[in-house]
Amino acid sequence: MSTFPDDAGNNSRLPRGQRSYWRGDLKSKICRIIHVHTDRSKLILIVEDYEDDAKLLEVLLTNSGIVNPVRTALSAEEAINYLIGGPPFADRHQNPLPGVIFVDLKLPGISGFDLLRWVKDQPELRNIFVVVLSSTGDLKSVQAAYSLGANSFLIKPCRHADLENLAICYPAFWDRAIPPMLPQPPSREPPPTG
């Protein structure tokens, strides 16, 4: 199914919750998708006990062109309270369920693994895209994270390429400000002679 309107601007073939508009003539059409309503929130919840690491991840997301709203929970307990809608997060209009959760494995109190286990046991949270963050990528941790429902595993500190790959491979979870620019091929013209 095509996600672009026909030449008359008919949007009937666009996925539910999306509208588009066109600028310019037929040769220079630029389609921009605007999400006016989605079944799943685009909120990103970062669960990270070090506020500086959470801010760094938020800056990386922004620099990658990801414009999803971001919330930070500094512990698994705070994340669980947010996810169940406990005070002060009871208003789901102001505090929607996230579409993506970044979880640090090494959290004080309830660990990242325990949070993954808890999320996996909540039927209303099963469609959330979960990205695990760890300072080590040992095989045992990676396997355990995936067995507990993680969708991706990243080694801290995250790199721009890691987030770009997530956005490209799983586009439904991310709002992008500007599509990434493709590198321009080298010019085939001979260099100017002087």
C-alpha atoms as a PDB file:
ATOM      1  CA  MET A   1       0.000   0.000   0.000  1.00  0.00           C
ATOM      2  CA  SER A   2       1.346   3.395  -0.957  1.00  0.00           C
ATOM      3  CA  THR A   3       1.608   5.989   1.769  1.00  0.00           C
ATOM      4  CA  PHE A   4       1.611   8.911  -0.650  1.00  0.00           C
ATOM      5  CA  PRO A   5      -1.457  10.686  -1.961  1.00  0.00           C
ATOM      6  CA  ASP A   6      -2.260  10.633  -5.648  1.00  0.00           C
ATOM      7  CA  ASP A   7      -1.680  13.647  -7.902  1.00  0.00           C
ATOM      8  CA  ALA A   8      -5.030  15.120  -6.845  1.00  0.00           C
ATOM      9  CA  GLY A   9      -3.867  15.158  -3.206  1.00  0.00           C
ATOM     10  CA  ASN A  10      -6.187  12.325  -2.158  1.00  0.00           C
ATOM     11  CA  ASN A  11      -5.130  11.118   1.297  1.00  0.00           C
ATOM     12  CA  SER A  12      -7.365   8.049   1.389  1.00  0.00           C
ATOM     13  CA  ARG A  13      -4.410   5.688   1.039  1.00  0.00           C
ATOM     14  CA  LEU A  14      -2.471   7.098   3.975  1.00  0.00           C
ATOM     15  CA  PRO A  15      -2.320   4.981   7.143  1.00  0.00           C
ATOM     16  CA  ARG A  16      -4.865   5.876   9.805  1.00  0.00           C
ATOM     17  CA  GLY A  17      -3.898   8.872  11.878  1.00  0.00           C
ATOM     18  CA  GLN A  18      -1.818  10.580   9.206  1.00  0.00           C
ATOM     19  CA  ARG A  19      -2.474  13.452   6.834  1.00  0.00           C
ATOM     20  CA  SER A  20      -0.211  14.977   4.290  1.00  0.00           C
ATOM     21  CA  TYR A  21       0.142  18.120   2.304  1.00  0.00           C
ATOM     22  CA  TRP A  22       2.042  18.919  -0.867  1.00  0.00           C
ATOM     23  CA  ARG A  23       4.211  21.887  -1.766  1.00  0.00           C
ATOM     24  CA  GLY A  24       5.423  22.873  -5.194  1.00  0.00           C
ATOM     25  CA  ASP A  25       4.722  21.488  -8.612  1.00  0.00           C
ATOM     26  CA  LEU A  26       4.544  17.828  -9.613  1.00  0.00           C
ATOM     27  CA  LYS A  27       8.312  17.562 -10.149  1.00  0.00           C
ATOM     28  CA  SER A  28       9.260  18.931  -6.768  1.00  0.00           C
ATOM     29  CA  LYS A  29       6.565  17.469  -4.532  1.00  0.00           C
ATOM     30  CA  ILE A  30       7.557  17.140  -0.934  1.00  0.00           C
ATOM     31  CA  CYS A  31       5.320  14.993   1.199  1.00  0.00           C
ATOM     32  CA  ARG A  32       5.348  15.752   4.869  1.00  0.00           C
ATOM     33  CA  ILE A  33       3.504  13.430   7.210  1.00  0.00           C
ATOM     34  CA  ILE A  34       1.828  15.066  10.148  1.00  0.00           C
ATOM     35  CA  HIS A  35       0.639  12.803  12.933  1.00  0.00           C
ATOM     36  CA  VAL A  36      -2.706  14.200  14.026  1.00  0.00           C
ATOM     37  CA  HIS A  37      -3.816  11.174  16.019  1.00  0.00           C
ATOM     38  CA  THR A  38      -2.168   7.890  16.811  1.00  0.00           C
ATOM     39  CA  ASP A  39      -3.262   4.902  18.837  1.00  0.00           C
ATOM     40  CA  ARG A  40       0.132   4.832  20.542  1.00  0.00           C
ATOM     41  CA  SER A  41       1.841   7.744  22.217  1.00  0.00           C
ATOM     42  CA  LYS A  42       5.156   8.863  20.789  1.00  0.00           C
ATOM     43  CA  LEU A  43       6.445   9.774  24.243  1.00  0.00           C
ATOM     44  CA  ILE A  44       9.898   8.459  25.142  1.00  0.00           C
ATOM     45  CA  LEU A  45      10.463   7.502  28.783  1.00  0.00           C
ATOM     46  CA  ILE A  46      14.130   7.400  29.798  1.00  0.00           C
ATOM     47  CA  VAL A  47      14.757   5.371  32.957  1.00  0.00           C
ATOM     48  CA  GLU A  48      18.253   6.362  34.048  1.00  0.00           C
ATOM     49  CA  ASP A  49      19.543   7.070  37.554  1.00  0.00           C
ATOM     50  CA  TYR A  50      22.205   9.545  36.391  1.00  0.00           C
ATOM     51  CA  GLU A  51      20.504  12.731  35.287  1.00  0.00           C
ATOM     52  CA  ASP A  52      23.524  13.743  33.166  1.00  0.00           C
ATOM     53  CA  ASP A  53      23.328  10.456  31.221  1.00  0.00           C
ATOM     54  CA  ALA A  54      19.599  10.995  30.671  1.00  0.00           C
ATOM     55  CA  LYS A  55      20.222  14.545  29.400  1.00  0.00           C
ATOM     56  CA  LEU A  56      22.997  13.295  27.107  1.00  0.00           C
ATOM     57  CA  LEU A  57      20.615  10.716  25.619  1.00  0.00           C
ATOM     58  CA  GLU A  58      17.959  13.391  25.176  1.00  0.00           C
ATOM     59  CA  VAL A  59      20.464  15.625  23.337  1.00  0.00           C
ATOM     60  CA  LEU A  60      21.480  12.695  21.115  1.00  0.00           C
ATOM     61  CA  LEU A  61      17.832  12.025  20.280  1.00  0.00           C
ATOM     62  CA  THR A  62      17.354  15.680  19.347  1.00  0.00           C
ATOM     63  CA  ASN A  63      20.556  15.745  17.288  1.00  0.00           C
ATOM     64  CA  SER A  64      19.329  12.642  15.455  1.00  0.00           C
ATOM     65  CA  GLY A  65      16.221  14.552  14.372  1.00  0.00           C
ATOM     66  CA  ILE A  66      13.955  12.649  16.770  1.00  0.00           C
ATOM     67  CA  VAL A  67      11.383  15.078  18.138  1.00  0.00           C
ATOM     68  CA  ASN A  68       9.306  12.789  20.346  1.00  0.00           C
ATOM     69  CA  PRO A  69       8.479  14.309  23.730  1.00  0.00           C
ATOM     70  CA  VAL A  70      10.794  12.929  26.422  1.00  0.00           C
ATOM     71  CA  ARG A  71      10.263  12.236  30.125  1.00  0.00           C
ATOM     72  CA  THR A  72      12.901  10.993  32.532  1.00  0.00           C
ATOM     73  CA  ALA A  73      12.438   8.707  35.522  1.00  0.00           C
ATOM     74  CA  LEU A  74      15.460   8.575  37.822  1.00  0.00           C
ATOM     75  CA  SER A  75      14.592   5.127  39.209  1.00  0.00           C
ATOM     76  CA  ALA A  76      12.616   2.026  38.325  1.00  0.00           C
ATOM     77  CA  GLU A  77      10.193   2.877  41.132  1.00  0.00           C
ATOM     78  CA  GLU A  78       9.479   6.274  39.566  1.00  0.00           C
ATOM     79  CA  ALA A  79       9.073   4.615  36.144  1.00  0.00           C
ATOM     80  CA  ILE A  80       6.582   2.068  37.517  1.00  0.00           C
ATOM     81  CA  ASN A  81       4.653   4.853  39.255  1.00  0.00           C
ATOM     82  CA  TYR A  82       4.516   6.754  35.939  1.00  0.00           C
ATOM     83  CA  LEU A  83       3.441   3.653  33.999  1.00  0.00           C
ATOM     84  CA  ILE A  84       0.621   2.763  36.405  1.00  0.00           C
ATOM     85  CA  GLY A  85      -0.566   6.371  36.497  1.00  0.00           C
ATOM     86  CA  GLY A  86       0.122   6.852  40.190  1.00  0.00           C
ATOM     87  CA  PRO A  87       0.267  10.337  41.697  1.00  0.00           C
ATOM     88  CA  PRO A  88       1.366  12.770  40.313  1.00  0.00           C
ATOM     89  CA  PHE A  89       1.048  11.003  36.927  1.00  0.00           C
ATOM     90  CA  ALA A  90      -2.663  10.073  37.038  1.00  0.00           C
ATOM     91  CA  ASP A  91      -3.725  12.449  34.242  1.00  0.00           C
ATOM     92  CA  ARG A  92      -3.090  10.390  31.084  1.00  0.00           C
ATOM     93  CA  HIS A  93      -3.694  13.420  28.890  1.00  0.00           C
ATOM     94  CA  GLN A  94      -0.722  15.148  30.530  1.00  0.00           C
ATOM     95  CA  ASN A  95       1.214  11.914  31.222  1.00  0.00           C
ATOM     96  CA  PRO A  96       0.484   9.462  28.391  1.00  0.00           C
ATOM     97  CA  LEU A  97       1.879   5.972  28.310  1.00  0.00           C
ATOM     98  CA  PRO A  98       5.141   5.986  26.390  1.00  0.00           C
ATOM     99  CA  GLY A  99       5.674   4.430  22.987  1.00  0.00           C
ATOM    100  CA  VAL A 100       9.359   3.884  23.778  1.00  0.00           C
ATOM    101  CA  ILE A 101      11.215   3.181  27.024  1.00  0.00           C
ATOM    102  CA  PHE A 102      14.997   3.422  27.368  1.00  0.00           C
ATOM    103  CA  VAL A 103      16.004   1.383  30.456  1.00  0.00           C
ATOM    104  CA  ASP A 104      19.393   1.459  32.142  1.00  0.00           C
ATOM    105  CA  LEU A 105      20.120  -2.019  33.519  1.00  0.00           C
ATOM    106  CA  LYS A 106      22.039  -0.837  36.581  1.00  0.00           C
ATOM    107  CA  LEU A 107      19.529   1.105  38.637  1.00  0.00           C
ATOM    108  CA  PRO A 108      19.535   1.464  42.429  1.00  0.00           C
ATOM    109  CA  GLY A 109      16.737  -0.403  44.202  1.00  0.00           C
ATOM    110  CA  ILE A 110      14.666  -2.159  41.560  1.00  0.00           C
ATOM    111  CA  SER A 111      17.098  -3.124  38.782  1.00  0.00           C
ATOM    112  CA  GLY A 112      16.579  -2.612  35.079  1.00  0.00           C
ATOM    113  CA  PHE A 113      16.081  -6.378  34.714  1.00  0.00           C
ATOM    114  CA  ASP A 114      13.322  -6.309  37.336  1.00  0.00           C
ATOM    115  CA  LEU A 115      11.690  -3.375  35.557  1.00  0.00           C
ATOM    116  CA  LEU A 116      11.803  -5.310  32.266  1.00  0.00           C
ATOM    117  CA  ARG A 117      10.205  -8.305  33.992  1.00  0.00           C
ATOM    118  CA  TRP A 118       7.473  -6.085  35.451  1.00  0.00           C
ATOM    119  CA  VAL A 119       6.757  -4.387  32.084  1.00  0.00           C
ATOM    120  CA  LYS A 120       6.561  -7.777  30.376  1.00  0.00           C
ATOM    121  CA  ASP A 121       3.905  -8.900  32.898  1.00  0.00           C
ATOM    122  CA  GLN A 122       1.653  -5.876  32.212  1.00  0.00           C
ATOM    123  CA  PRO A 123      -0.653  -6.633  29.244  1.00  0.00           C
ATOM    124  CA  GLU A 124      -1.344  -2.926  28.581  1.00  0.00           C
ATOM    125  CA  LEU A 125       2.409  -2.261  28.210  1.00  0.00           C
ATOM    126  CA  ARG A 126       3.315  -5.069  25.812  1.00  0.00           C
ATOM    127  CA  ASN A 127       3.306  -2.824  22.724  1.00  0.00           C
ATOM    128  CA  ILE A 128       5.889  -0.425  24.133  1.00  0.00           C
ATOM    129  CA  PHE A 129       9.225  -0.512  22.311  1.00  0.00           C
ATOM    130  CA  VAL A 130      11.899  -1.195  24.953  1.00  0.00           C
ATOM    131  CA  VAL A 131      15.547  -0.243  24.464  1.00  0.00           C
ATOM    132  CA  VAL A 132      18.019  -1.471  27.076  1.00  0.00           C
ATOM    133  CA  LEU A 133      21.049   0.642  27.940  1.00  0.00           C
ATOM    134  CA  SER A 134      24.115  -0.916  29.529  1.00  0.00           C
ATOM    135  CA  SER A 135      27.718   0.068  30.050  1.00  0.00           C
ATOM    136  CA  THR A 136      28.710  -3.491  29.144  1.00  0.00           C
ATOM    137  CA  GLY A 137      27.493  -5.719  26.374  1.00  0.00           C
ATOM    138  CA  ASP A 138      28.200  -9.076  27.962  1.00  0.00           C
ATOM    139  CA  LEU A 139      26.337 -11.935  26.313  1.00  0.00           C
ATOM    140  CA  LYS A 140      24.523 -12.970  29.506  1.00  0.00           C
ATOM    141  CA  SER A 141      23.037  -9.475  29.980  1.00  0.00           C
ATOM    142  CA  VAL A 142      22.071  -9.187  26.318  1.00  0.00           C
ATOM    143  CA  GLN A 143      20.330 -12.585  26.338  1.00  0.00           C
ATOM    144  CA  ALA A 144      18.566 -11.845  29.631  1.00  0.00           C
ATOM    145  CA  ALA A 145      17.336  -8.461  28.371  1.00  0.00           C
ATOM    146  CA  TYR A 146      15.932  -9.934  25.169  1.00  0.00           C
ATOM    147  CA  SER A 147      14.294 -12.811  27.062  1.00  0.00           C
ATOM    148  CA  LEU A 148      12.561 -10.226  29.270  1.00  0.00           C
ATOM    149  CA  GLY A 149      11.066  -8.420  26.270  1.00  0.00           C
ATOM    150  CA  ALA A 150      13.680  -5.870  25.218  1.00  0.00           C
ATOM    151  CA  ASN A 151      13.461  -4.904  21.556  1.00  0.00           C
ATOM    152  CA  SER A 152      16.971  -3.498  21.327  1.00  0.00           C
ATOM    153  CA  PHE A 153      20.179  -3.392  23.375  1.00  0.00           C
ATOM    154  CA  LEU A 154      22.565  -0.434  23.231  1.00  0.00           C
ATOM    155  CA  ILE A 155      25.907   0.038  24.942  1.00  0.00           C
ATOM    156  CA  LYS A 156      26.381   3.336  26.782  1.00  0.00           C
ATOM    157  CA  PRO A 157      27.232   5.922  25.841  1.00  0.00           C
ATOM    158  CA  CYS A 158      24.884   5.714  22.877  1.00  0.00           C
ATOM    159  CA  ARG A 159      26.110   7.002  19.564  1.00  0.00           C
ATOM    160  CA  HIS A 160      24.258   8.999  16.935  1.00  0.00           C
ATOM    161  CA  ALA A 161      24.481   5.969  14.592  1.00  0.00           C
ATOM    162  CA  ASP A 162      22.749   3.746  17.186  1.00  0.00           C
ATOM    163  CA  LEU A 163      19.745   6.051  17.396  1.00  0.00           C
ATOM    164  CA  GLU A 164      19.689   6.602  13.639  1.00  0.00           C
ATOM    165  CA  ASN A 165      19.563   2.832  13.116  1.00  0.00           C
ATOM    166  CA  LEU A 166      16.663   2.499  15.574  1.00  0.00           C
ATOM    167  CA  ALA A 167      14.740   5.263  13.810  1.00  0.00           C
ATOM    168  CA  ILE A 168      15.341   3.708  10.392  1.00  0.00           C
ATOM    169  CA  CYS A 169      14.604   0.109  11.395  1.00  0.00           C
ATOM    170  CA  TYR A 170      11.565   0.908  13.568  1.00  0.00           C
ATOM    171  CA  PRO A 171      10.090   4.098  12.049  1.00  0.00           C
ATOM    172  CA  ALA A 172       6.642   3.739  13.646  1.00  0.00           C
ATOM    173  CA  PHE A 173       7.993   4.675  17.075  1.00  0.00           C
ATOM    174  CA  TRP A 174       9.752   7.928  16.199  1.00  0.00           C
ATOM    175  CA  ASP A 175       8.735  11.379  15.025  1.00  0.00           C
ATOM    176  CA  ARG A 176      11.454  12.929  12.879  1.00  0.00           C
ATOM    177  CA  ALA A 177      11.909  16.664  12.367  1.00  0.00           C
ATOM    178  CA  ILE A 178      13.647  16.357   9.028  1.00  0.00           C
ATOM    179  CA  PRO A 179      14.352  13.171   7.098  1.00  0.00           C
ATOM    180  CA  PRO A 180      18.065  12.396   7.209  1.00  0.00           C
ATOM    181  CA  MET A 181      19.978  13.788   4.268  1.00  0.00           C
ATOM    182  CA  LEU A 182      21.462  11.223   1.960  1.00  0.00           C
ATOM    183  CA  PRO A 183      25.116  11.750   1.138  1.00  0.00           C
ATOM    184  CA  GLN A 184      25.624  13.308  -2.266  1.00  0.00           C
ATOM    185  CA  PRO A 185      27.622  11.259  -4.777  1.00  0.00           C
ATOM    186  CA  PRO A 186      30.989  12.737  -5.725  1.00  0.00           C
ATOM    187  CA  SER A 187      30.977  14.981  -8.751  1.00  0.00           C
ATOM    188  CA  ARG A 188      32.144  13.321 -11.955  1.00  0.00           C
ATOM    189  CA  GLU A 189      33.313  16.581 -13.460  1.00  0.00           C
ATOM    190  CA  PRO A 190      37.056  16.923 -13.852  1.00  0.00           C
ATOM    191  CA  PRO A 191      38.690  19.382 -11.475  1.00  0.00           C
ATOM    192  CA  PRO A 192      39.092  22.892 -12.890  1.00  0.00           C
ATOM    193  CA  THR A 193      42.426  23.553 -14.495  1.00  0.00           C
ATOM    194  CA  GLY A 194      44.119  26.758 -13.723  1.00  0.00           C
END
